[in-house]
Every structure is written in structure tokens, then in C-alpha cells.
């Protein structure tokens, strides 16, 4: 679950609300690079979790320095 992963990384509770769900909406989606690996011999250089951590660190620095 993306929200749970964000909460783990931030070490904080995230309050969220899902709005405007279409009747034909897919309830769950998953990241998978298997086909890219098979067809293109591609793999991510950084894990999803580490990418999230780096992104949050960047945003924190950016917004603290912009005030």
C-alpha cells in the first residue's frame, strides 16, 4: 500500500481521502518492471522505496529553503 509506505518513510500518520472513484475504476494497481526487463533488458537503478526517500528529502530541503 502506497500510503503505508509513505507513512513508514515519513514516520508520520498520513490523513487522506479518496475522491471521485469511477464505477469502472481499478481498485488496486501494482508496479512491475518485468516486461521492461524482458523486452528491453532494463532494470531500475534505484528501488522504489529509496526513490521515495530521496524525493521526500529533496522536497523538504526545497521548501525549507524557499521560505
PDB file of N, CA and C in Angstrom:
ATOM      1  N   UNK A   1       0.837  -1.177   0.000  1.00  0.00           N
ATOM      2  CA  UNK A   1       0.000   0.000   0.000  1.00  0.00           C
ATOM      3  C   UNK A   1       0.882   1.240   0.000  1.00  0.00           C
ATOM      4  N   UNK A   2       0.655   2.121  -0.940  1.00  0.00           N
ATOM      5  CA  UNK A   2       1.461   3.326  -1.094  1.00  0.00           C
ATOM      6  C   UNK A   2       1.384   4.223   0.137  1.00  0.00           C
ATOM      7  N   UNK A   3       0.199   4.412   0.682  1.00  0.00           N
ATOM      8  CA  UNK A   3       0.046   5.280   1.851  1.00  0.00           C
ATOM      9  C   UNK A   3       0.836   4.730   3.027  1.00  0.00           C
ATOM     10  N   UNK A   4       0.781   3.440   3.254  1.00  0.00           N
ATOM     11  CA  UNK A   4       1.540   2.837   4.355  1.00  0.00           C
ATOM     12  C   UNK A   4       3.036   3.034   4.165  1.00  0.00           C
ATOM     13  N   UNK A   5       3.518   2.910   2.927  1.00  0.00           N
ATOM     14  CA  UNK A   5       4.942   3.107   2.642  1.00  0.00           C
ATOM     15  C   UNK A   5       5.338   4.558   2.911  1.00  0.00           C
ATOM     16  N   UNK A   6       4.502   5.500   2.511  1.00  0.00           N
ATOM     17  CA  UNK A   6       4.770   6.921   2.773  1.00  0.00           C
ATOM     18  C   UNK A   6       4.809   7.174   4.274  1.00  0.00           C
ATOM     19  N   UNK A   7       3.873   6.600   5.011  1.00  0.00           N
ATOM     20  CA  UNK A   7       3.860   6.757   6.467  1.00  0.00           C
ATOM     21  C   UNK A   7       5.135   6.203   7.094  1.00  0.00           C
ATOM     22  N   UNK A   8       5.597   5.064   6.603  1.00  0.00           N
ATOM     23  CA  UNK A   8       6.848   4.479   7.117  1.00  0.00           C
ATOM     24  C   UNK A   8       8.027   5.409   6.867  1.00  0.00           C
ATOM     25  N   UNK A   9       8.130   5.914   5.660  1.00  0.00           N
ATOM     26  CA  UNK A   9       9.257   6.767   5.291  1.00  0.00           C
ATOM     27  C   UNK A   9       9.241   8.072   6.084  1.00  0.00           C
ATOM     28  N   UNK A  10       8.061   8.673   6.226  1.00  0.00           N
ATOM     29  CA  UNK A  10       7.944   9.943   6.940  1.00  0.00           C
ATOM     30  C   UNK A  10       7.867   9.767   8.450  1.00  0.00           C
ATOM     31  N   UNK A  11       7.637   8.537   8.879  1.00  0.00           N
ATOM     32  CA  UNK A  11       7.426   8.252  10.297  1.00  0.00           C
ATOM     33  C   UNK A  11       6.309   9.139  10.851  1.00  0.00           C
ATOM     34  N   UNK A  12       5.212   9.187  10.105  1.00  0.00           N
ATOM     35  CA  UNK A  12       4.075  10.023  10.479  1.00  0.00           C
ATOM     36  C   UNK A  12       2.804   9.429   9.890  1.00  0.00           C
ATOM     37  N   UNK A  13       1.694   9.740  10.521  1.00  0.00           N
ATOM     38  CA  UNK A  13       0.389   9.312  10.027  1.00  0.00           C
ATOM     39  C   UNK A  13      -0.043  10.250   8.914  1.00  0.00           C
ATOM     40  N   UNK A  14      -0.502   9.697   7.815  1.00  0.00           N
ATOM     41  CA  UNK A  14      -0.963  10.488   6.678  1.00  0.00           C
ATOM     42  C   UNK A  14      -2.480  10.407   6.630  1.00  0.00           C
ATOM     43  N   UNK A  15      -3.123  11.561   6.701  1.00  0.00           N
ATOM     44  CA  UNK A  15      -4.578  11.611   6.569  1.00  0.00           C
ATOM     45  C   UNK A  15      -4.902  11.807   5.092  1.00  0.00           C
ATOM     46  N   UNK A  16      -5.716  10.947   4.549  1.00  0.00           N
ATOM     47  CA  UNK A  16      -6.054  11.038   3.137  1.00  0.00           C
ATOM     48  C   UNK A  16      -7.512  10.673   2.924  1.00  0.00           C
ATOM     49  N   UNK A  17      -8.033  11.119   1.792  1.00  0.00           N
ATOM     50  CA  UNK A  17      -9.410  10.826   1.431  1.00  0.00           C
ATOM     51  C   UNK A  17      -9.439  10.558  -0.068  1.00  0.00           C
ATOM     52  N   UNK A  18     -10.002   9.455  -0.466  1.00  0.00           N
ATOM     53  CA  UNK A  18     -10.113   9.109  -1.878  1.00  0.00           C
ATOM     54  C   UNK A  18     -11.411   9.711  -2.408  1.00  0.00           C
ATOM     55  N   UNK A  19     -11.295  10.509  -3.452  1.00  0.00           N
ATOM     56  CA  UNK A  19     -12.445  11.217  -4.004  1.00  0.00           C
ATOM     57  C   UNK A  19     -12.749  10.762  -5.427  1.00  0.00           C
ATOM     58  N   UNK A  20     -13.979  10.896  -5.803  1.00  0.00           N
ATOM     59  CA  UNK A  20     -14.413  10.705  -7.189  1.00  0.00           C
ATOM     60  C   UNK A  20     -13.962   9.385  -7.808  1.00  0.00           C
ATOM     61  N   UNK A  21     -14.294   8.298  -7.183  1.00  0.00           N
ATOM     62  CA  UNK A  21     -13.953   6.990  -7.732  1.00  0.00           C
ATOM     63  C   UNK A  21     -14.981   6.623  -8.802  1.00  0.00           C
ATOM     64  N   UNK A  22     -14.503   6.378 -10.000  1.00  0.00           N
ATOM     65  CA  UNK A  22     -15.392   5.980 -11.089  1.00  0.00           C
ATOM     66  C   UNK A  22     -15.864   4.545 -10.871  1.00  0.00           C
ATOM     67  N   UNK A  23     -17.036   4.219 -11.366  1.00  0.00           N
ATOM     68  CA  UNK A  23     -17.586   2.872 -11.200  1.00  0.00           C
ATOM     69  C   UNK A  23     -16.694   1.805 -11.827  1.00  0.00           C
ATOM     70  N   UNK A  24     -16.007   2.153 -12.900  1.00  0.00           N
ATOM     71  CA  UNK A  24     -15.158   1.176 -13.577  1.00  0.00           C
ATOM     72  C   UNK A  24     -13.685   1.304 -13.169  1.00  0.00           C
ATOM     73  N   UNK A  25     -13.415   2.011 -12.090  1.00  0.00           N
ATOM     74  CA  UNK A  25     -12.041   2.214 -11.613  1.00  0.00           C
ATOM     75  C   UNK A  25     -11.417   0.898 -11.160  1.00  0.00           C
ATOM     76  N   UNK A  26     -10.151   0.721 -11.456  1.00  0.00           N
ATOM     77  CA  UNK A  26      -9.413  -0.458 -10.998  1.00  0.00           C
ATOM     78  C   UNK A  26      -9.086  -0.247  -9.520  1.00  0.00           C
ATOM     79  N   UNK A  27      -9.526  -1.154  -8.632  1.00  0.00           N
ATOM     80  CA  UNK A  27      -9.355  -0.921  -7.188  1.00  0.00           C
ATOM     81  C   UNK A  27      -7.904  -0.954  -6.712  1.00  0.00           C
ATOM     82  N   UNK A  28      -7.061  -1.741  -7.347  1.00  0.00           N
ATOM     83  CA  UNK A  28      -5.664  -1.829  -6.932  1.00  0.00           C
ATOM     84  C   UNK A  28      -4.781  -1.915  -8.169  1.00  0.00           C
ATOM     85  N   UNK A  29      -3.605  -1.287  -8.063  1.00  0.00           N
ATOM     86  CA  UNK A  29      -2.631  -1.354  -9.145  1.00  0.00           C
ATOM     87  C   UNK A  29      -1.263  -1.631  -8.536  1.00  0.00           C
ATOM     88  N   UNK A  30      -0.411  -2.298  -9.295  1.00  0.00           N
ATOM     89  CA  UNK A  30       0.910  -2.673  -8.794  1.00  0.00           C
ATOM     90  C   UNK A  30       1.983  -2.275  -9.798  1.00  0.00           C
ATOM     91  N   UNK A  31       3.134  -1.876  -9.274  1.00  0.00           N
ATOM     92  CA  UNK A  31       4.282  -1.572 -10.123  1.00  0.00           C
ATOM     93  C   UNK A  31       5.010  -2.863 -10.450  1.00  0.00           C
ATOM     94  N   UNK A  32       5.350  -3.036 -11.719  1.00  0.00           N
ATOM     95  CA  UNK A  32       6.077  -4.233 -12.125  1.00  0.00           C
ATOM     96  C   UNK A  32       6.878  -3.915 -13.385  1.00  0.00           C
ATOM     97  N   UNK A  33       8.173  -4.088 -13.309  1.00  0.00           N
ATOM     98  CA  UNK A  33       9.019  -3.795 -14.461  1.00  0.00           C
ATOM     99  C   UNK A  33       9.472  -5.066 -15.189  1.00  0.00           C
ATOM    100  N   UNK A  34       8.812  -6.185 -14.943  1.00  0.00           N
ATOM    101  CA  UNK A  34       9.191  -7.460 -15.549  1.00  0.00           C
ATOM    102  C   UNK A  34       9.239  -7.389 -17.074  1.00  0.00           C
ATOM    103  N   UNK A  35       8.213  -6.811 -17.689  1.00  0.00           N
ATOM    104  CA  UNK A  35       8.171  -6.750 -19.154  1.00  0.00           C
ATOM    105  C   UNK A  35       9.294  -5.864 -19.697  1.00  0.00           C
ATOM    106  N   UNK A  36       9.584  -4.750 -19.027  1.00  0.00           N
ATOM    107  CA  UNK A  36      10.688  -3.881 -19.457  1.00  0.00           C
ATOM    108  C   UNK A  36      12.017  -4.616 -19.345  1.00  0.00           C
ATOM    109  N   UNK A  37      12.152  -5.436 -18.310  1.00  0.00           N
ATOM    110  CA  UNK A  37      13.387  -6.212 -18.133  1.00  0.00           C
ATOM    111  C   UNK A  37      13.520  -7.253 -19.246  1.00  0.00           C
ATOM    112  N   UNK A  38      12.430  -7.944 -19.547  1.00  0.00           N
ATOM    113  CA  UNK A  38      12.452  -8.985 -20.577  1.00  0.00           C
ATOM    114  C   UNK A  38      12.686  -8.415 -21.978  1.00  0.00           C
ATOM    115  N   UNK A  39      11.962  -7.354 -22.319  1.00  0.00           N
ATOM    116  CA  UNK A  39      12.000  -6.819 -23.685  1.00  0.00           C
ATOM    117  C   UNK A  39      13.165  -5.857 -23.920  1.00  0.00           C
ATOM    118  N   UNK A  40      13.511  -5.068 -22.901  1.00  0.00           N
ATOM    119  CA  UNK A  40      14.496  -4.003 -23.079  1.00  0.00           C
ATOM    120  C   UNK A  40      15.776  -4.210 -22.280  1.00  0.00           C
ATOM    121  N   UNK A  41      15.812  -5.296 -21.501  1.00  0.00           N
ATOM    122  CA  UNK A  41      16.948  -5.541 -20.616  1.00  0.00           C
ATOM    123  C   UNK A  41      17.172  -4.354 -19.675  1.00  0.00           C
ATOM    124  N   UNK A  42      16.069  -3.807 -19.155  1.00  0.00           N
ATOM    125  CA  UNK A  42      16.110  -2.629 -18.295  1.00  0.00           C
ATOM    126  C   UNK A  42      15.752  -3.008 -16.868  1.00  0.00           C
ATOM    127  N   UNK A  43      16.455  -2.423 -15.922  1.00  0.00           N
ATOM    128  CA  UNK A  43      16.132  -2.551 -14.505  1.00  0.00           C
ATOM    129  C   UNK A  43      16.302  -1.185 -13.866  1.00  0.00           C
ATOM    130  N   UNK A  44      15.511  -0.873 -12.844  1.00  0.00           N
ATOM    131  CA  UNK A  44      15.682   0.413 -12.169  1.00  0.00           C
ATOM    132  C   UNK A  44      17.036   0.477 -11.468  1.00  0.00           C
ATOM    133  N   UNK A  45      17.620   1.658 -11.448  1.00  0.00           N
ATOM    134  CA  UNK A  45      18.902   1.851 -10.768  1.00  0.00           C
ATOM    135  C   UNK A  45      18.707   2.089  -9.279  1.00  0.00           C
ATOM    136  N   UNK A  46      17.513   2.466  -8.902  1.00  0.00           N
ATOM    137  CA  UNK A  46      17.216   2.759  -7.500  1.00  0.00           C
ATOM    138  C   UNK A  46      15.873   2.126  -7.161  1.00  0.00           C
ATOM    139  N   UNK A  47      15.744   1.607  -5.951  1.00  0.00           N
ATOM    140  CA  UNK A  47      14.486   0.966  -5.552  1.00  0.00           C
ATOM    141  C   UNK A  47      13.390   2.016  -5.381  1.00  0.00           C
ATOM    142  N   UNK A  48      12.154   1.567  -5.460  1.00  0.00           N
ATOM    143  CA  UNK A  48      11.019   2.469  -5.274  1.00  0.00           C
ATOM    144  C   UNK A  48      11.111   3.160  -3.918  1.00  0.00           C
ATOM    145  N   UNK A  49      11.403   2.393  -2.862  1.00  0.00           N
ATOM    146  CA  UNK A  49      11.474   2.965  -1.515  1.00  0.00           C
ATOM    147  C   UNK A  49      12.583   4.010  -1.409  1.00  0.00           C
ATOM    148  N   UNK A  50      13.768   3.702  -1.925  1.00  0.00           N
ATOM    149  CA  UNK A  50      14.859   4.678  -1.864  1.00  0.00           C
ATOM    150  C   UNK A  50      14.551   5.908  -2.709  1.00  0.00           C
ATOM    151  N   UNK A  51      13.878   5.719  -3.831  1.00  0.00           N
ATOM    152  CA  UNK A  51      13.458   6.847  -4.653  1.00  0.00           C
ATOM    153  C   UNK A  51      12.490   7.748  -3.909  1.00  0.00           C
ATOM    154  N   UNK A  52      11.554   7.139  -3.188  1.00  0.00           N
ATOM    155  CA  UNK A  52      10.612   7.916  -2.379  1.00  0.00           C
ATOM    156  C   UNK A  52      11.358   8.694  -1.298  1.00  0.00           C
ATOM    157  N   UNK A  53      12.292   8.041  -0.620  1.00  0.00           N
ATOM    158  CA  UNK A  53      13.065   8.708   0.435  1.00  0.00           C
ATOM    159  C   UNK A  53      13.825   9.907  -0.123  1.00  0.00           C
ATOM    160  N   UNK A  54      14.484   9.724  -1.255  1.00  0.00           N
ATOM    161  CA  UNK A  54      15.243  10.819  -1.865  1.00  0.00           C
ATOM    162  C   UNK A  54      14.314  11.953  -2.296  1.00  0.00           C
ATOM    163  N   UNK A  55      13.154  11.608  -2.834  1.00  0.00           N
ATOM    164  CA  UNK A  55      12.190  12.619  -3.261  1.00  0.00           C
ATOM    165  C   UNK A  55      11.700  13.433  -2.076  1.00  0.00           C
ATOM    166  N   UNK A  56      11.332  12.769  -0.982  1.00  0.00           N
ATOM    167  CA  UNK A  56      10.860  13.486   0.205  1.00  0.00           C
ATOM    168  C   UNK A  56      11.959  14.365   0.784  1.00  0.00           C
ATOM    169  N   UNK A  57      13.182  13.870   0.791  1.00  0.00           N
ATOM    170  CA  UNK A  57      14.314  14.652   1.297  1.00  0.00           C
ATOM    171  C   UNK A  57      14.499  15.909   0.448  1.00  0.00           C
ATOM    172  N   UNK A  58      14.406  15.760  -0.877  1.00  0.00           N
ATOM    173  CA  UNK A  58      14.554  16.904  -1.772  1.00  0.00           C
ATOM    174  C   UNK A  58      13.448  17.929  -1.526  1.00  0.00           C
ATOM    175  N   UNK A  59      12.186  17.472  -1.465  1.00  0.00           N
ATOM    176  CA  UNK A  59      11.074  18.389  -1.230  1.00  0.00           C
ATOM    177  C   UNK A  59      11.235  19.118   0.090  1.00  0.00           C
ATOM    178  N   UNK A  60      11.628  18.406   1.116  1.00  0.00           N
ATOM    179  CA  UNK A  60      11.813  19.025   2.428  1.00  0.00           C
ATOM    180  C   UNK A  60      12.864  20.132   2.341  1.00  0.00           C
ATOM    181  N   UNK A  61      13.998  19.847   1.735  1.00  0.00           N
ATOM    182  CA  UNK A  61      15.043  20.853   1.576  1.00  0.00           C
ATOM    183  C   UNK A  61      14.603  22.013   0.703  1.00  0.00           C
ATOM    184  N   UNK A  62      13.910  21.717  -0.381  1.00  0.00           N
ATOM    185  CA  UNK A  62      13.451  22.749  -1.309  1.00  0.00           C
ATOM    186  C   UNK A  62      12.489  23.709  -0.621  1.00  0.00           C
ATOM    187  N   UNK A  63      11.504  23.181   0.080  1.00  0.00           N
ATOM    188  CA  UNK A  63      10.504  24.043   0.696  1.00  0.00           C
ATOM    189  C   UNK A  63      11.027  24.759   1.930  1.00  0.00           C
ATOM    190  N   UNK A  64      11.921  24.154   2.677  1.00  0.00           N
ATOM    191  CA  UNK A  64      12.510  24.849   3.823  1.00  0.00           C
ATOM    192  C   UNK A  64      13.403  25.993   3.359  1.00  0.00           C
ATOM    193  N   UNK A  65      14.097  25.810   2.247  1.00  0.00           N
ATOM    194  CA  UNK A  65      14.986  26.850   1.724  1.00  0.00           C
ATOM    195  C   UNK A  65      14.247  27.931   0.949  1.00  0.00           C
ATOM    196  N   UNK A  66      12.999  27.696   0.565  1.00  0.00           N
ATOM    197  CA  UNK A  66      12.251  28.684  -0.213  1.00  0.00           C
ATOM    198  C   UNK A  66      11.497  29.673   0.669  1.00  0.00           C
ATOM    199  N   UNK A  67      11.538  29.469   1.972  1.00  0.00           N
ATOM    200  CA  UNK A  67      10.809  30.376   2.882  1.00  0.00           C
ATOM    201  C   UNK A  67      11.689  31.490   3.359  1.00  0.00           C
TER     202      UNK A  67
END
